[in-house]
N, C-alpha and C. Protein backbone atom coordinates (compact mmCIF):
# COMPACT_ATOMS: atom_id res chain seq x y z
N MET A 1 0.83 -1.18 0.00
CA MET A 1 0.00 0.00 0.00
C MET A 1 0.89 1.25 0.00
N GLU A 2 0.50 2.23 -0.77
CA GLU A 2 1.26 3.47 -0.90
C GLU A 2 1.16 4.30 0.38
N GLU A 3 2.29 4.81 0.84
CA GLU A 3 2.30 5.67 2.03
C GLU A 3 1.86 7.07 1.65
N THR A 4 1.01 7.67 2.48
CA THR A 4 0.53 9.02 2.21
C THR A 4 1.28 10.03 3.08
N ILE A 5 1.23 11.27 2.68
CA ILE A 5 1.88 12.34 3.43
C ILE A 5 1.00 12.76 4.60
N ILE A 6 -0.30 12.88 4.35
CA ILE A 6 -1.24 13.22 5.42
C ILE A 6 -1.64 11.93 6.13
N GLN A 7 -1.57 11.96 7.45
CA GLN A 7 -1.82 10.78 8.27
C GLN A 7 -3.00 11.02 9.22
N ASN A 8 -3.49 9.95 9.80
CA ASN A 8 -4.45 9.98 10.92
C ASN A 8 -5.84 10.49 10.57
N VAL A 9 -6.18 10.52 9.28
CA VAL A 9 -7.56 10.78 8.84
C VAL A 9 -7.85 9.85 7.68
N GLU A 10 -9.12 9.53 7.49
CA GLU A 10 -9.51 8.64 6.40
C GLU A 10 -9.41 9.39 5.07
N MET A 11 -8.84 8.72 4.09
CA MET A 11 -8.64 9.32 2.78
C MET A 11 -9.87 9.13 1.89
N LYS A 12 -10.03 10.03 0.96
CA LYS A 12 -11.01 9.96 -0.11
C LYS A 12 -12.46 9.92 0.37
N LYS A 13 -12.74 10.46 1.55
CA LYS A 13 -14.11 10.56 2.06
C LYS A 13 -14.27 11.89 2.76
N PRO A 14 -15.39 12.56 2.55
CA PRO A 14 -15.62 13.84 3.25
C PRO A 14 -15.74 13.62 4.75
N PHE A 15 -15.30 14.61 5.51
CA PHE A 15 -15.42 14.54 6.97
C PHE A 15 -15.40 15.95 7.54
N GLU A 16 -15.87 16.07 8.77
CA GLU A 16 -15.78 17.34 9.49
C GLU A 16 -14.50 17.32 10.30
N LEU A 17 -13.64 18.28 10.08
CA LEU A 17 -12.34 18.32 10.73
C LEU A 17 -12.47 18.34 12.25
N LYS A 18 -13.43 19.09 12.77
CA LYS A 18 -13.60 19.19 14.22
C LYS A 18 -13.96 17.84 14.87
N ASP A 19 -14.49 16.92 14.09
CA ASP A 19 -14.85 15.60 14.62
C ASP A 19 -13.67 14.65 14.66
N GLN A 20 -12.52 15.06 14.16
CA GLN A 20 -11.35 14.19 14.07
C GLN A 20 -10.49 14.18 15.34
N ILE A 21 -10.89 14.98 16.34
CA ILE A 21 -10.13 15.03 17.60
C ILE A 21 -11.11 15.14 18.76
N PRO A 22 -10.90 14.35 19.81
CA PRO A 22 -11.82 14.44 20.95
C PRO A 22 -11.52 15.66 21.81
N LEU A 23 -12.52 16.10 22.54
CA LEU A 23 -12.36 17.15 23.53
C LEU A 23 -12.36 16.49 24.90
N GLU A 24 -11.29 16.69 25.65
CA GLU A 24 -11.19 16.12 26.98
C GLU A 24 -11.12 17.27 27.98
N LYS A 25 -12.13 17.37 28.83
CA LYS A 25 -12.20 18.45 29.83
C LYS A 25 -10.90 18.48 30.64
N GLY A 26 -10.36 19.68 30.85
CA GLY A 26 -9.17 19.84 31.66
C GLY A 26 -7.88 19.39 30.99
N SER A 27 -7.93 19.15 29.67
CA SER A 27 -6.74 18.64 28.96
C SER A 27 -6.54 19.35 27.63
N ILE A 28 -5.32 19.20 27.11
CA ILE A 28 -4.98 19.59 25.75
C ILE A 28 -4.69 18.29 25.00
N VAL A 29 -5.35 18.10 23.86
CA VAL A 29 -5.15 16.91 23.04
C VAL A 29 -4.63 17.37 21.68
N SER A 30 -3.65 16.65 21.13
CA SER A 30 -3.15 16.98 19.80
C SER A 30 -3.11 15.74 18.92
N LYS A 31 -3.23 15.97 17.62
CA LYS A 31 -3.20 14.89 16.63
C LYS A 31 -2.47 15.41 15.40
N ILE A 32 -1.30 14.88 15.12
CA ILE A 32 -0.50 15.31 13.97
C ILE A 32 -1.10 14.72 12.70
N LEU A 33 -1.32 15.60 11.71
CA LEU A 33 -1.84 15.16 10.42
C LEU A 33 -0.73 15.07 9.37
N ALA A 34 0.26 15.95 9.46
CA ALA A 34 1.40 15.92 8.54
C ALA A 34 2.55 16.66 9.19
N GLN A 35 3.77 16.18 8.93
CA GLN A 35 4.93 16.85 9.51
C GLN A 35 6.18 16.52 8.71
N ASN A 36 6.90 17.57 8.32
CA ASN A 36 8.22 17.42 7.72
C ASN A 36 9.02 18.68 8.02
N GLU A 37 10.15 18.87 7.37
CA GLU A 37 11.02 20.00 7.71
C GLU A 37 10.43 21.35 7.30
N ALA A 38 9.45 21.37 6.40
CA ALA A 38 8.90 22.63 5.92
C ALA A 38 7.51 22.94 6.47
N LEU A 39 6.81 21.90 6.97
CA LEU A 39 5.40 22.05 7.29
C LEU A 39 4.98 21.12 8.42
N SER A 40 4.08 21.61 9.25
CA SER A 40 3.49 20.77 10.29
C SER A 40 2.01 21.13 10.37
N ILE A 41 1.14 20.13 10.30
CA ILE A 41 -0.30 20.34 10.40
C ILE A 41 -0.79 19.49 11.56
N THR A 42 -1.37 20.16 12.58
CA THR A 42 -1.78 19.47 13.80
C THR A 42 -3.14 19.96 14.25
N LEU A 43 -4.00 19.02 14.62
CA LEU A 43 -5.28 19.34 15.26
C LEU A 43 -5.06 19.44 16.76
N PHE A 44 -5.71 20.38 17.40
CA PHE A 44 -5.66 20.51 18.85
C PHE A 44 -7.06 20.67 19.40
N SER A 45 -7.27 20.15 20.60
CA SER A 45 -8.46 20.50 21.37
C SER A 45 -8.00 20.92 22.76
N PHE A 46 -8.67 21.93 23.30
CA PHE A 46 -8.34 22.50 24.60
C PHE A 46 -9.59 22.52 25.46
N GLY A 47 -9.50 21.97 26.66
CA GLY A 47 -10.56 22.17 27.63
C GLY A 47 -10.51 23.60 28.13
N LYS A 48 -11.66 24.14 28.49
CA LYS A 48 -11.73 25.52 28.99
C LYS A 48 -10.70 25.73 30.09
N GLY A 49 -9.95 26.84 29.99
CA GLY A 49 -8.95 27.19 30.98
C GLY A 49 -7.55 26.67 30.68
N GLN A 50 -7.43 25.73 29.75
CA GLN A 50 -6.10 25.22 29.40
C GLN A 50 -5.34 26.28 28.61
N GLU A 51 -4.02 26.26 28.74
CA GLU A 51 -3.24 27.28 28.06
C GLU A 51 -1.86 26.78 27.66
N ILE A 52 -1.28 27.48 26.72
CA ILE A 52 0.11 27.28 26.32
C ILE A 52 0.81 28.60 26.62
N SER A 53 1.85 28.53 27.44
CA SER A 53 2.53 29.74 27.88
C SER A 53 3.30 30.41 26.74
N THR A 54 3.74 31.62 26.99
CA THR A 54 4.43 32.42 25.98
C THR A 54 5.68 31.71 25.48
N HIS A 55 5.80 31.66 24.17
CA HIS A 55 6.94 31.03 23.51
C HIS A 55 7.10 31.67 22.13
N GLN A 56 8.16 31.29 21.44
CA GLN A 56 8.39 31.73 20.06
C GLN A 56 8.59 30.50 19.20
N SER A 57 8.36 30.66 17.92
CA SER A 57 8.52 29.55 16.99
C SER A 57 9.42 29.96 15.84
N ASP A 58 10.05 28.98 15.21
CA ASP A 58 10.89 29.24 14.04
C ASP A 58 10.07 29.31 12.75
N GLY A 59 8.76 29.01 12.85
CA GLY A 59 7.90 29.06 11.67
C GLY A 59 6.68 29.92 11.93
N ASP A 60 6.04 30.38 10.85
CA ASP A 60 4.77 31.09 10.98
C ASP A 60 3.69 30.09 11.36
N ALA A 61 2.80 30.49 12.26
CA ALA A 61 1.73 29.62 12.74
C ALA A 61 0.39 30.16 12.25
N PHE A 62 -0.28 29.41 11.40
CA PHE A 62 -1.60 29.77 10.89
C PHE A 62 -2.63 28.93 11.63
N VAL A 63 -3.52 29.59 12.37
CA VAL A 63 -4.51 28.89 13.19
C VAL A 63 -5.91 29.10 12.62
N GLN A 64 -6.66 28.02 12.52
CA GLN A 64 -8.07 28.06 12.16
C GLN A 64 -8.84 27.49 13.35
N VAL A 65 -9.70 28.31 13.96
CA VAL A 65 -10.50 27.83 15.08
C VAL A 65 -11.72 27.11 14.51
N LEU A 66 -11.87 25.85 14.88
CA LEU A 66 -12.92 25.00 14.33
C LEU A 66 -14.18 24.99 15.18
N GLU A 67 -13.99 25.19 16.49
CA GLU A 67 -15.12 25.10 17.43
C GLU A 67 -14.74 25.86 18.70
N GLY A 68 -15.68 26.58 19.29
CA GLY A 68 -15.40 27.31 20.52
C GLY A 68 -14.61 28.58 20.27
N GLU A 69 -13.77 28.95 21.26
CA GLU A 69 -12.98 30.18 21.13
C GLU A 69 -11.78 30.13 22.05
N GLY A 70 -10.77 30.90 21.69
CA GLY A 70 -9.57 31.02 22.51
C GLY A 70 -8.99 32.41 22.38
N THR A 71 -8.22 32.79 23.40
CA THR A 71 -7.53 34.08 23.36
C THR A 71 -6.07 33.83 23.01
N PHE A 72 -5.64 34.45 21.92
CA PHE A 72 -4.27 34.34 21.44
C PHE A 72 -3.58 35.66 21.75
N VAL A 73 -2.44 35.60 22.43
CA VAL A 73 -1.69 36.80 22.77
C VAL A 73 -0.44 36.81 21.90
N ILE A 74 -0.32 37.84 21.06
CA ILE A 74 0.82 37.97 20.15
C ILE A 74 1.49 39.30 20.44
N ASP A 75 2.78 39.25 20.75
CA ASP A 75 3.52 40.46 21.11
C ASP A 75 2.80 41.23 22.23
N GLY A 76 2.21 40.50 23.18
CA GLY A 76 1.55 41.11 24.32
C GLY A 76 0.13 41.59 24.07
N GLU A 77 -0.36 41.49 22.84
CA GLU A 77 -1.71 41.97 22.50
C GLU A 77 -2.68 40.79 22.40
N PRO A 78 -3.76 40.78 23.20
CA PRO A 78 -4.72 39.67 23.17
C PRO A 78 -5.70 39.78 22.00
N HIS A 79 -6.06 38.61 21.44
CA HIS A 79 -7.03 38.54 20.34
C HIS A 79 -7.96 37.37 20.63
N LEU A 80 -9.25 37.63 20.76
CA LEU A 80 -10.23 36.58 20.93
C LEU A 80 -10.58 36.05 19.55
N VAL A 81 -10.35 34.76 19.33
CA VAL A 81 -10.59 34.15 18.02
C VAL A 81 -11.65 33.07 18.20
N LYS A 82 -12.73 33.17 17.41
CA LYS A 82 -13.89 32.29 17.55
C LYS A 82 -13.99 31.32 16.37
N ALA A 83 -14.84 30.31 16.54
CA ALA A 83 -15.06 29.31 15.49
C ALA A 83 -15.32 30.00 14.15
N GLY A 84 -14.63 29.53 13.12
CA GLY A 84 -14.76 30.10 11.79
C GLY A 84 -13.76 31.20 11.50
N GLU A 85 -13.03 31.65 12.53
CA GLU A 85 -12.02 32.70 12.35
C GLU A 85 -10.62 32.10 12.37
N SER A 86 -9.67 32.87 11.86
CA SER A 86 -8.27 32.46 11.81
C SER A 86 -7.38 33.58 12.30
N ILE A 87 -6.15 33.22 12.66
CA ILE A 87 -5.14 34.21 13.04
C ILE A 87 -3.77 33.65 12.68
N VAL A 88 -2.85 34.54 12.35
CA VAL A 88 -1.47 34.15 12.06
C VAL A 88 -0.56 34.70 13.15
N MET A 89 0.26 33.81 13.68
CA MET A 89 1.27 34.20 14.67
C MET A 89 2.62 34.13 13.95
N PRO A 90 3.23 35.28 13.65
CA PRO A 90 4.47 35.29 12.88
C PRO A 90 5.62 34.64 13.64
N HIS A 91 6.52 34.03 12.88
CA HIS A 91 7.67 33.39 13.51
C HIS A 91 8.51 34.42 14.27
N GLN A 92 9.13 33.94 15.32
CA GLN A 92 10.03 34.72 16.18
C GLN A 92 9.33 35.90 16.88
N HIS A 93 8.00 35.82 17.01
CA HIS A 93 7.24 36.78 17.81
C HIS A 93 6.66 36.02 19.00
N PRO A 94 6.80 36.54 20.22
CA PRO A 94 6.26 35.83 21.37
C PRO A 94 4.73 35.72 21.28
N HIS A 95 4.24 34.52 21.56
CA HIS A 95 2.80 34.29 21.53
C HIS A 95 2.41 33.22 22.55
N ALA A 96 1.15 33.26 22.93
CA ALA A 96 0.60 32.33 23.91
C ALA A 96 -0.88 32.17 23.59
N LEU A 97 -1.53 31.18 24.22
CA LEU A 97 -2.97 31.06 24.04
C LEU A 97 -3.61 30.46 25.27
N LYS A 98 -4.89 30.82 25.43
CA LYS A 98 -5.69 30.29 26.53
C LYS A 98 -7.09 29.99 26.02
N ALA A 99 -7.61 28.84 26.41
CA ALA A 99 -8.96 28.46 26.04
C ALA A 99 -9.95 29.19 26.94
N THR A 100 -10.64 30.18 26.38
CA THR A 100 -11.66 30.91 27.14
C THR A 100 -12.95 30.10 27.20
N ALA A 101 -13.05 29.07 26.37
CA ALA A 101 -14.12 28.08 26.35
C ALA A 101 -13.49 26.82 25.78
N ASP A 102 -14.19 25.69 25.87
CA ASP A 102 -13.69 24.51 25.18
C ASP A 102 -13.51 24.89 23.72
N PHE A 103 -12.38 24.51 23.11
CA PHE A 103 -12.23 24.81 21.69
C PHE A 103 -11.31 23.85 20.98
N LYS A 104 -11.47 23.83 19.64
CA LYS A 104 -10.66 23.01 18.76
C LYS A 104 -10.08 23.89 17.68
N MET A 105 -8.86 23.57 17.26
CA MET A 105 -8.22 24.37 16.22
C MET A 105 -7.33 23.49 15.35
N LEU A 106 -7.08 23.98 14.15
CA LEU A 106 -6.10 23.39 13.25
C LEU A 106 -4.93 24.34 13.19
N LEU A 107 -3.75 23.83 13.50
CA LEU A 107 -2.52 24.62 13.47
C LEU A 107 -1.68 24.17 12.28
N THR A 108 -1.39 25.11 11.39
CA THR A 108 -0.50 24.85 10.26
C THR A 108 0.76 25.69 10.46
N MET A 109 1.87 25.01 10.67
CA MET A 109 3.16 25.68 10.84
C MET A 109 3.92 25.60 9.51
N VAL A 110 4.42 26.76 9.06
CA VAL A 110 5.22 26.81 7.85
C VAL A 110 6.60 27.32 8.24
N PHE A 111 7.61 26.51 7.95
CA PHE A 111 8.97 26.83 8.34
C PHE A 111 9.77 27.31 7.15
N PRO A 112 10.66 28.30 7.36
CA PRO A 112 11.49 28.78 6.26
C PRO A 112 12.48 27.69 5.82
N GLY A 113 12.80 27.76 4.58
CA GLY A 113 13.77 26.79 4.06
C GLY A 113 13.77 26.84 2.55
N GLU A 114 14.57 25.98 1.98
CA GLU A 114 14.68 25.91 0.52
C GLU A 114 13.33 25.58 -0.08
N GLY A 115 12.91 26.33 -1.08
CA GLY A 115 11.65 26.07 -1.76
C GLY A 115 10.45 26.76 -1.11
N VAL A 116 10.64 27.41 0.03
CA VAL A 116 9.56 28.14 0.69
C VAL A 116 9.83 29.62 0.52
N SER A 117 8.95 30.32 -0.22
CA SER A 117 9.19 31.74 -0.45
C SER A 117 8.88 32.53 0.82
N GLN A 118 9.67 33.58 1.05
CA GLN A 118 9.51 34.41 2.25
C GLN A 118 9.24 35.84 1.87
């Protein structure tokens, strides 16, 4: 059988992305869909109140909120992002997030490198 680049979801059938990861109260759950040196695509679910502390990344982070809402702090400025909305956290800028309600998101990280225009 041929190996695919995208993992952990059923191929060639429609699905709702938010249904591909469980929500566990009081926890953060992640599910990697694809990962290599240039790109990382990961589903996350956050129970209300869960957070990721301030950090920086070597790649740009494109977030799509699939369900619920979270507060994303970029360069010290808070942004409430709700289901259906997106936000970009630029590489090498401090950012953090907190689940203001139960929420799910898709995180696409794009890393600089050969073949990636900047």
